Amino acid sequence: QGGGPGGAPGAGGARPRLPPSPGGKGLTLPLLQVKLPPQKEVITAEELMAHLGDCILATQPRETSEGLQLNFQQNISDTMTVLPKLSTGLDVNVRFTGVSDFEYTPECIVFDLLNIPLYHGWLVDPQSPETVQAVGKLSYNQLVEKIITCKQATDSSLVSEGLVAEQFLEATASQLSYHGLCELTAAAPEGELGVFFRNNHFSTMTKHKGHLYLLVTDQGFLREEGVVWESLHTVDGDSCFCDTDFHLSHAPGKGGDPAAPPDHQLQQRQVDQDYMVALSLQQQQGQDPPSVLSDLELARQLQHEEYQQHHPHPPPPPPQQQLPGQ
């Protein structure tokens, strides 16, 4: 479930973030040890909340110093207040400076206590100094407030800065930027399970062979056994579906445009298949893929340009002339 990109600071905003649990790969041991009955297909919200509550209580620090225990008790109190919201959505407030940067609110305490990494890809491109200056280290909420203030300012420089900030939000309305995707791919550890926040939704994310994947939870794929993961390699929603072993699934993609010409749909499917073939070959050869993203994007762009050259849009038909007497 998702929440808005912003949220008011909570009582826990001044406390330091908790250190990650040693030796873990994203999720805490109690969460990894959950066992479900073999035939159980549905977990109720009440059952899930009860299990999460037990996991949170199991995170009590071993150190007995009074300060640490008091801090833990306060975190537990804040978390238990937030826990009921998990079934309807959480409000988090991103900062545009890093893929793990969020305003620290009680909602974030849940992720910290359970040692679940929380990511986003809504970053400012450092190669755009005007945007960097306009956005700075502000959170989403603070940036919106700045834009409103700058619009009412009489100083032309402030008005201009507010316009640049507003253009950044409009250009990255999908809440994922190209620079953010690159940083996210580089920052996420191989094999880690984490949570990815985008478009007011939270998705389970993992990194396999240097590539990012999101767990498919769309109700429309409930009976599609071959659809488990969705690739995250573009900002425009163009993706490929994979099975549990990250092999290409031939299920229809959600991004297909039914109104598009058949030859364009075929070309798009070919691009997706080429991507997955390249990914599969790279995995088999055990190559290190730090530059795969840019290479694939370049290949996609070149193929699209070549397609446009060989398939120009037909000119409109000339107007028909009426013959005399008709």
Foldseek 3Di string as FASTA:
>chain_A
DFAAQADDAAPCQPPDFADADPPDQAFDPLVVPDDDPPPDDDDDLVNVLVSLLVLLVVLQDPDDDPVSNVVSVVLNVLQVVCSVCPVPYDHWWAWQDAQQGTRDHSVVSSSRSRRAGEGELQHDDVVPVLQCVLRPGDIPVVLVVQLVVLCPDPDVVSVVSSVSSVVSCVVLVQRHDPNSVLRVLVPRDAQGWHWYDTPRDIFTWHAHLSWIWTADDDPVCPPVQQFGIWTDQDSPQLIFGGHPVRAGDPDDDPPDDPPDDPVVVVLSVVLRVVLRVVSVVCVVVVDRPSPSSVVSVVVVVVSVVVVCVVCPDDDDDDDDDDDPPD
